């Protein structure tokens, strides 16, 4: 397993902190169980964000570029 990059750590950590703060501030809860559930969900979201930013393996080919349609003569090109 490759080591996480700085972008993965930073974006995952930022996601966790912002999610916890926003959910707790918007809900106004004081329940310990709800706070714990929010923290666990935020950690899962942070891991998902960090995983989404993983680098591509060098041997994996990128998606092929989209094919452009063949050019067809237009009606105005016949009347020249």
PDB file of N, CA and C in Angstrom:
ATOM      1  N   UNK A   1       0.849  -1.172   0.000  1.00  0.00           N
ATOM      2  CA  UNK A   1       0.000   0.000   0.000  1.00  0.00           C
ATOM      3  C   UNK A   1       0.898   1.239   0.000  1.00  0.00           C
ATOM      4  N   UNK A   2       0.692   2.148  -0.958  1.00  0.00           N
ATOM      5  CA  UNK A   2       1.538   3.342  -1.018  1.00  0.00           C
ATOM      6  C   UNK A   2       1.217   4.311   0.113  1.00  0.00           C
ATOM      7  N   UNK A   3       2.225   5.092   0.456  1.00  0.00           N
ATOM      8  CA  UNK A   3       2.025   6.091   1.504  1.00  0.00           C
ATOM      9  C   UNK A   3       1.094   7.176   1.008  1.00  0.00           C
ATOM     10  N   UNK A   4       0.246   7.717   1.892  1.00  0.00           N
ATOM     11  CA  UNK A   4      -0.660   8.787   1.458  1.00  0.00           C
ATOM     12  C   UNK A   4       0.114  10.064   1.144  1.00  0.00           C
ATOM     13  N   UNK A   5      -0.376  10.768   0.144  1.00  0.00           N
ATOM     14  CA  UNK A   5       0.242  12.035  -0.221  1.00  0.00           C
ATOM     15  C   UNK A   5      -0.297  13.138   0.678  1.00  0.00           C
ATOM     16  N   UNK A   6       0.374  14.277   0.633  1.00  0.00           N
ATOM     17  CA  UNK A   6      -0.035  15.410   1.447  1.00  0.00           C
ATOM     18  C   UNK A   6      -1.432  15.890   1.061  1.00  0.00           C
ATOM     19  N   UNK A   7      -1.763  15.870  -0.211  1.00  0.00           N
ATOM     20  CA  UNK A   7      -3.097  16.305  -0.653  1.00  0.00           C
ATOM     21  C   UNK A   7      -4.181  15.391  -0.101  1.00  0.00           C
ATOM     22  N   UNK A   8      -3.914  14.109  -0.042  1.00  0.00           N
ATOM     23  CA  UNK A   8      -4.883  13.175   0.515  1.00  0.00           C
ATOM     24  C   UNK A   8      -5.111  13.440   1.996  1.00  0.00           C
ATOM     25  N   UNK A   9      -4.043  13.634   2.726  1.00  0.00           N
ATOM     26  CA  UNK A   9      -4.148  13.871   4.167  1.00  0.00           C
ATOM     27  C   UNK A   9      -4.834  15.202   4.437  1.00  0.00           C
ATOM     28  N   UNK A  10      -4.447  16.228   3.704  1.00  0.00           N
ATOM     29  CA  UNK A  10      -5.020  17.558   3.940  1.00  0.00           C
ATOM     30  C   UNK A  10      -6.502  17.597   3.593  1.00  0.00           C
ATOM     31  N   UNK A  11      -6.879  17.054   2.447  1.00  0.00           N
ATOM     32  CA  UNK A  11      -8.290  17.112   2.064  1.00  0.00           C
ATOM     33  C   UNK A  11      -9.145  16.204   2.936  1.00  0.00           C
ATOM     34  N   UNK A  12      -8.641  15.051   3.308  1.00  0.00           N
ATOM     35  CA  UNK A  12      -9.387  14.169   4.206  1.00  0.00           C
ATOM     36  C   UNK A  12      -9.570  14.783   5.578  1.00  0.00           C
ATOM     37  N   UNK A  13      -8.523  15.387   6.118  1.00  0.00           N
ATOM     38  CA  UNK A  13      -8.618  16.028   7.432  1.00  0.00           C
ATOM     39  C   UNK A  13      -9.543  17.235   7.403  1.00  0.00           C
ATOM     40  N   UNK A  14      -9.464  18.016   6.354  1.00  0.00           N
ATOM     41  CA  UNK A  14     -10.345  19.179   6.222  1.00  0.00           C
ATOM     42  C   UNK A  14     -11.798  18.733   6.123  1.00  0.00           C
ATOM     43  N   UNK A  15     -12.034  17.661   5.380  1.00  0.00           N
ATOM     44  CA  UNK A  15     -13.391  17.135   5.263  1.00  0.00           C
ATOM     45  C   UNK A  15     -13.926  16.693   6.612  1.00  0.00           C
ATOM     46  N   UNK A  16     -13.108  16.015   7.392  1.00  0.00           N
ATOM     47  CA  UNK A  16     -13.537  15.542   8.708  1.00  0.00           C
ATOM     48  C   UNK A  16     -13.874  16.722   9.612  1.00  0.00           C
ATOM     49  N   UNK A  17     -12.977  17.689   9.694  1.00  0.00           N
ATOM     50  CA  UNK A  17     -13.206  18.821  10.594  1.00  0.00           C
ATOM     51  C   UNK A  17     -14.427  19.637  10.199  1.00  0.00           C
ATOM     52  N   UNK A  18     -14.542  19.952   8.915  1.00  0.00           N
ATOM     53  CA  UNK A  18     -15.684  20.756   8.476  1.00  0.00           C
ATOM     54  C   UNK A  18     -17.004  20.010   8.638  1.00  0.00           C
ATOM     55  N   UNK A  19     -17.013  18.718   8.363  1.00  0.00           N
ATOM     56  CA  UNK A  19     -18.240  17.939   8.510  1.00  0.00           C
ATOM     57  C   UNK A  19     -18.693  17.912   9.960  1.00  0.00           C
ATOM     58  N   UNK A  20     -17.766  17.648  10.866  1.00  0.00           N
ATOM     59  CA  UNK A  20     -18.128  17.599  12.291  1.00  0.00           C
ATOM     60  C   UNK A  20     -18.624  18.957  12.758  1.00  0.00           C
ATOM     61  N   UNK A  21     -17.901  20.002  12.436  1.00  0.00           N
ATOM     62  CA  UNK A  21     -18.310  21.329  12.895  1.00  0.00           C
ATOM     63  C   UNK A  21     -19.666  21.745  12.327  1.00  0.00           C
ATOM     64  N   UNK A  22     -19.863  21.556  11.032  1.00  0.00           N
ATOM     65  CA  UNK A  22     -21.123  21.976  10.423  1.00  0.00           C
ATOM     66  C   UNK A  22     -22.316  21.171  10.926  1.00  0.00           C
ATOM     67  N   UNK A  23     -22.172  19.869  11.023  1.00  0.00           N
ATOM     68  CA  UNK A  23     -23.297  19.051  11.484  1.00  0.00           C
ATOM     69  C   UNK A  23     -23.630  19.366  12.932  1.00  0.00           C
ATOM     70  N   UNK A  24     -22.625  19.516  13.760  1.00  0.00           N
ATOM     71  CA  UNK A  24     -22.902  19.798  15.171  1.00  0.00           C
ATOM     72  C   UNK A  24     -23.458  21.206  15.364  1.00  0.00           C
ATOM     73  N   UNK A  25     -22.967  22.166  14.607  1.00  0.00           N
ATOM     74  CA  UNK A  25     -23.494  23.529  14.735  1.00  0.00           C
ATOM     75  C   UNK A  25     -24.913  23.629  14.179  1.00  0.00           C
ATOM     76  N   UNK A  26     -25.173  22.998  13.048  1.00  0.00           N
ATOM     77  CA  UNK A  26     -26.499  23.084  12.453  1.00  0.00           C
ATOM     78  C   UNK A  26     -27.547  22.295  13.232  1.00  0.00           C
ATOM     79  N   UNK A  27     -27.151  21.172  13.813  1.00  0.00           N
ATOM     80  CA  UNK A  27     -28.124  20.367  14.553  1.00  0.00           C
ATOM     81  C   UNK A  27     -28.313  20.881  15.977  1.00  0.00           C
ATOM     82  N   UNK A  28     -27.304  21.531  16.543  1.00  0.00           N
ATOM     83  CA  UNK A  28     -27.407  22.047  17.905  1.00  0.00           C
ATOM     84  C   UNK A  28     -27.558  20.956  18.952  1.00  0.00           C
ATOM     85  N   UNK A  29     -27.030  19.799  18.683  1.00  0.00           N
ATOM     86  CA  UNK A  29     -27.185  18.671  19.600  1.00  0.00           C
ATOM     87  C   UNK A  29     -26.206  18.749  20.757  1.00  0.00           C
ATOM     88  N   UNK A  30     -26.611  18.157  21.861  1.00  0.00           N
ATOM     89  CA  UNK A  30     -25.719  18.023  23.017  1.00  0.00           C
ATOM     90  C   UNK A  30     -25.627  16.565  23.441  1.00  0.00           C
ATOM     91  N   UNK A  31     -26.261  15.676  22.683  1.00  0.00           N
ATOM     92  CA  UNK A  31     -26.261  14.253  22.992  1.00  0.00           C
ATOM     93  C   UNK A  31     -24.905  13.645  22.650  1.00  0.00           C
ATOM     94  N   UNK A  32     -24.349  12.926  23.585  1.00  0.00           N
ATOM     95  CA  UNK A  32     -23.046  12.291  23.381  1.00  0.00           C
ATOM     96  C   UNK A  32     -23.117  11.248  22.268  1.00  0.00           C
ATOM     97  N   UNK A  33     -24.220  10.519  22.195  1.00  0.00           N
ATOM     98  CA  UNK A  33     -24.370   9.485  21.170  1.00  0.00           C
ATOM     99  C   UNK A  33     -24.398  10.131  19.785  1.00  0.00           C
ATOM    100  N   UNK A  34     -25.136  11.231  19.615  1.00  0.00           N
ATOM    101  CA  UNK A  34     -25.218  11.905  18.320  1.00  0.00           C
ATOM    102  C   UNK A  34     -23.858  12.490  17.930  1.00  0.00           C
ATOM    103  N   UNK A  35     -23.144  13.041  18.884  1.00  0.00           N
ATOM    104  CA  UNK A  35     -21.809  13.588  18.603  1.00  0.00           C
ATOM    105  C   UNK A  35     -20.870  12.467  18.160  1.00  0.00           C
ATOM    106  N   UNK A  36     -20.935  11.319  18.818  1.00  0.00           N
ATOM    107  CA  UNK A  36     -20.086  10.185  18.442  1.00  0.00           C
ATOM    108  C   UNK A  36     -20.436   9.677  17.041  1.00  0.00           C
ATOM    109  N   UNK A  37     -21.718   9.586  16.737  1.00  0.00           N
ATOM    110  CA  UNK A  37     -22.148   9.146  15.392  1.00  0.00           C
ATOM    111  C   UNK A  37     -21.675  10.127  14.322  1.00  0.00           C
ATOM    112  N   UNK A  38     -21.753  11.412  14.631  1.00  0.00           N
ATOM    113  CA  UNK A  38     -21.305  12.429  13.684  1.00  0.00           C
ATOM    114  C   UNK A  38     -19.808  12.304  13.432  1.00  0.00           C
ATOM    115  N   UNK A  39     -19.041  12.086  14.483  1.00  0.00           N
ATOM    116  CA  UNK A  39     -17.588  11.953  14.327  1.00  0.00           C
ATOM    117  C   UNK A  39     -17.228  10.718  13.505  1.00  0.00           C
ATOM    118  N   UNK A  40     -17.918   9.621  13.734  1.00  0.00           N
ATOM    119  CA  UNK A  40     -17.641   8.400  12.972  1.00  0.00           C
ATOM    120  C   UNK A  40     -18.000   8.592  11.498  1.00  0.00           C
ATOM    121  N   UNK A  41     -19.137   9.225  11.240  1.00  0.00           N
ATOM    122  CA  UNK A  41     -19.534   9.479   9.850  1.00  0.00           C
ATOM    123  C   UNK A  41     -18.554  10.431   9.174  1.00  0.00           C
ATOM    124  N   UNK A  42     -18.080  11.436   9.902  1.00  0.00           N
ATOM    125  CA  UNK A  42     -17.116  12.374   9.324  1.00  0.00           C
ATOM    126  C   UNK A  42     -15.789  11.677   9.028  1.00  0.00           C
ATOM    127  N   UNK A  43     -15.361  10.785   9.903  1.00  0.00           N
ATOM    128  CA  UNK A  43     -14.131  10.035   9.641  1.00  0.00           C
ATOM    129  C   UNK A  43     -14.276   9.157   8.397  1.00  0.00           C
ATOM    130  N   UNK A  44     -15.432   8.521   8.251  1.00  0.00           N
ATOM    131  CA  UNK A  44     -15.663   7.695   7.060  1.00  0.00           C
ATOM    132  C   UNK A  44     -15.658   8.557   5.802  1.00  0.00           C
ATOM    133  N   UNK A  45     -16.258   9.729   5.877  1.00  0.00           N
ATOM    134  CA  UNK A  45     -16.260  10.631   4.730  1.00  0.00           C
ATOM    135  C   UNK A  45     -14.844  11.120   4.417  1.00  0.00           C
ATOM    136  N   UNK A  46     -14.058  11.416   5.435  1.00  0.00           N
ATOM    137  CA  UNK A  46     -12.674  11.840   5.222  1.00  0.00           C
ATOM    138  C   UNK A  46     -11.828  10.757   4.579  1.00  0.00           C
ATOM    139  N   UNK A  47     -12.030   9.515   5.001  1.00  0.00           N
ATOM    140  CA  UNK A  47     -11.300   8.396   4.387  1.00  0.00           C
ATOM    141  C   UNK A  47     -11.726   8.235   2.931  1.00  0.00           C
ATOM    142  N   UNK A  48     -13.022   8.404   2.656  1.00  0.00           N
ATOM    143  CA  UNK A  48     -13.500   8.291   1.276  1.00  0.00           C
ATOM    144  C   UNK A  48     -12.898   9.384   0.392  1.00  0.00           C
ATOM    145  N   UNK A  49     -12.785  10.601   0.916  1.00  0.00           N
ATOM    146  CA  UNK A  49     -12.180  11.691   0.144  1.00  0.00           C
ATOM    147  C   UNK A  49     -10.702  11.412  -0.097  1.00  0.00           C
ATOM    148  N   UNK A  50      -9.994  10.969   0.924  1.00  0.00           N
ATOM    149  CA  UNK A  50      -8.583  10.635   0.757  1.00  0.00           C
ATOM    150  C   UNK A  50      -8.374   9.494  -0.221  1.00  0.00           C
ATOM    151  N   UNK A  51      -9.263   8.509  -0.188  1.00  0.00           N
ATOM    152  CA  UNK A  51      -9.167   7.378  -1.113  1.00  0.00           C
ATOM    153  C   UNK A  51      -9.459   7.818  -2.547  1.00  0.00           C
ATOM    154  N   UNK A  52     -10.372   8.760  -2.715  1.00  0.00           N
ATOM    155  CA  UNK A  52     -10.707   9.235  -4.057  1.00  0.00           C
ATOM    156  C   UNK A  52      -9.547   9.997  -4.686  1.00  0.00           C
ATOM    157  N   UNK A  53      -8.664  10.553  -3.890  1.00  0.00           N
ATOM    158  CA  UNK A  53      -7.528  11.313  -4.407  1.00  0.00           C
ATOM    159  C   UNK A  53      -6.261  10.479  -4.552  1.00  0.00           C
ATOM    160  N   UNK A  54      -6.396   9.159  -4.491  1.00  0.00           N
ATOM    161  CA  UNK A  54      -5.197   8.310  -4.603  1.00  0.00           C
ATOM    162  C   UNK A  54      -4.596   8.447  -5.989  1.00  0.00           C
ATOM    163  N   UNK A  55      -3.283   8.356  -6.095  1.00  0.00           N
ATOM    164  CA  UNK A  55      -2.636   8.488  -7.406  1.00  0.00           C
ATOM    165  C   UNK A  55      -2.903   7.257  -8.266  1.00  0.00           C
ATOM    166  N   UNK A  56      -2.923   7.473  -9.567  1.00  0.00           N
ATOM    167  CA  UNK A  56      -3.108   6.375 -10.503  1.00  0.00           C
ATOM    168  C   UNK A  56      -1.805   5.603 -10.651  1.00  0.00           C
ATOM    169  N   UNK A  57      -1.910   4.309 -10.807  1.00  0.00           N
ATOM    170  CA  UNK A  57      -0.738   3.473 -11.025  1.00  0.00           C
ATOM    171  C   UNK A  57      -0.157   3.801 -12.401  1.00  0.00           C
ATOM    172  N   UNK A  58       1.187   3.804 -12.544  1.00  0.00           N
ATOM    173  CA  UNK A  58       1.783   4.170 -13.825  1.00  0.00           C
ATOM    174  C   UNK A  58       1.450   3.198 -14.950  1.00  0.00           C
ATOM    175  N   UNK A  59       1.145   1.950 -14.654  1.00  0.00           N
ATOM    176  CA  UNK A  59       0.870   0.975 -15.699  1.00  0.00           C
ATOM    177  C   UNK A  59      -0.573   0.980 -16.173  1.00  0.00           C
ATOM    178  N   UNK A  60      -1.434   1.723 -15.501  1.00  0.00           N
ATOM    179  CA  UNK A  60      -2.845   1.746 -15.868  1.00  0.00           C
ATOM    180  C   UNK A  60      -3.060   2.778 -16.968  1.00  0.00           C
ATOM    181  N   UNK A  61      -3.558   2.354 -18.122  1.00  0.00           N
ATOM    182  CA  UNK A  61      -3.767   3.331 -19.202  1.00  0.00           C
ATOM    183  C   UNK A  61      -4.936   4.262 -18.859  1.00  0.00           C
ATOM    184  N   UNK A  62      -4.817   5.471 -19.317  1.00  0.00           N
ATOM    185  CA  UNK A  62      -5.885   6.445 -19.112  1.00  0.00           C
ATOM    186  C   UNK A  62      -7.006   6.157 -20.102  1.00  0.00           C
ATOM    187  N   UNK A  63      -8.147   6.733 -19.862  1.00  0.00           N
ATOM    188  CA  UNK A  63      -9.279   6.550 -20.760  1.00  0.00           C
ATOM    189  C   UNK A  63      -8.932   7.144 -22.121  1.00  0.00           C
ATOM    190  N   UNK A  64      -9.322   6.475 -23.193  1.00  0.00           N
ATOM    191  CA  UNK A  64      -8.999   7.007 -24.527  1.00  0.00           C
ATOM    192  C   UNK A  64      -9.757   8.313 -24.768  1.00  0.00           C
ATOM    193  N   UNK A  65      -9.164   9.200 -25.561  1.00  0.00           N
ATOM    194  CA  UNK A  65      -9.851  10.456 -25.848  1.00  0.00           C
ATOM    195  C   UNK A  65     -11.097  10.190 -26.681  1.00  0.00           C
ATOM    196  N   UNK A  66     -12.104  11.034 -26.545  1.00  0.00           N
ATOM    197  CA  UNK A  66     -13.324  10.808 -27.321  1.00  0.00           C
ATOM    198  C   UNK A  66     -13.060  10.966 -28.813  1.00  0.00           C
ATOM    199  N   UNK A  67     -13.732  10.145 -29.600  1.00  0.00           N
ATOM    200  CA  UNK A  67     -13.561  10.211 -31.063  1.00  0.00           C
ATOM    201  C   UNK A  67     -14.426  11.322 -31.610  1.00  0.00           C
ATOM    202  N   UNK A  68     -13.852  12.079 -32.486  1.00  0.00           N
ATOM    203  CA  UNK A  68     -14.589  13.146 -33.130  1.00  0.00           C
ATOM    204  C   UNK A  68     -15.302  12.579 -34.352  1.00  0.00           C
ATOM    205  N   UNK A  69     -16.509  13.046 -34.633  1.00  0.00           N
ATOM    206  CA  UNK A  69     -17.202  12.525 -35.817  1.00  0.00           C
ATOM    207  C   UNK A  69     -16.477  12.964 -37.095  1.00  0.00           C
ATOM    208  N   UNK A  70     -16.567  12.126 -38.095  1.00  0.00           N
ATOM    209  CA  UNK A  70     -15.932  12.459 -39.375  1.00  0.00           C
ATOM    210  C   UNK A  70     -16.621  13.686 -39.956  1.00  0.00           C
ATOM    211  N   UNK A  71     -15.834  14.570 -40.528  1.00  0.00           N
ATOM    212  CA  UNK A  71     -16.421  15.786 -41.082  1.00  0.00           C
ATOM    213  C   UNK A  71     -17.127  15.460 -42.392  1.00  0.00           C
ATOM    214  N   UNK A  72     -18.303  16.015 -42.536  1.00  0.00           N
ATOM    215  CA  UNK A  72     -19.090  15.809 -43.745  1.00  0.00           C
ATOM    216  C   UNK A  72     -19.232  17.145 -44.450  1.00  0.00           C
ATOM    217  N   UNK A  73     -19.302  17.140 -45.742  1.00  0.00           N
ATOM    218  CA  UNK A  73     -19.500  18.408 -46.449  1.00  0.00           C
ATOM    219  C   UNK A  73     -20.883  18.973 -46.135  1.00  0.00           C
ATOM    220  N   UNK A  74     -20.931  20.263 -45.958  1.00  0.00           N
ATOM    221  CA  UNK A  74     -22.187  20.926 -45.679  1.00  0.00           C
ATOM    222  C   UNK A  74     -22.815  21.399 -46.977  1.00  0.00           C
ATOM    223  N   UNK A  75     -24.057  21.810 -46.905  1.00  0.00           N
ATOM    224  CA  UNK A  75     -24.767  22.268 -48.092  1.00  0.00           C
ATOM    225  C   UNK A  75     -24.078  23.503 -48.690  1.00  0.00           C
ATOM    226  N   UNK A  76     -23.516  24.358 -47.849  1.00  0.00           N
ATOM    227  CA  UNK A  76     -22.863  25.564 -48.374  1.00  0.00           C
ATOM    228  C   UNK A  76     -21.560  25.225 -49.095  1.00  0.00           C
ATOM    229  N   UNK A  77     -20.916  24.097 -48.797  1.00  0.00           N
ATOM    230  CA  UNK A  77     -19.663  23.764 -49.466  1.00  0.00           C
ATOM    231  C   UNK A  77     -19.904  23.255 -50.890  1.00  0.00           C
ATOM    232  N   UNK A  78     -21.114  22.782 -51.203  1.00  0.00           N
ATOM    233  CA  UNK A  78     -21.423  22.325 -52.552  1.00  0.00           C
ATOM    234  C   UNK A  78     -21.650  23.496 -53.511  1.00  0.00           C
ATOM    235  N   UNK A  79     -22.034  24.642 -53.013  1.00  0.00           N
ATOM    236  CA  UNK A  79     -22.406  25.781 -53.848  1.00  0.00           C
ATOM    237  C   UNK A  79     -21.262  26.762 -54.051  1.00  0.00           C
ATOM    238  N   UNK A  80     -20.062  26.371 -53.883  1.00  0.00           N
ATOM    239  CA  UNK A  80     -18.942  27.302 -54.034  1.00  0.00           C
ATOM    240  C   UNK A  80     -18.525  27.433 -55.449  1.00  0.00           C
TER     241      UNK A  80
END
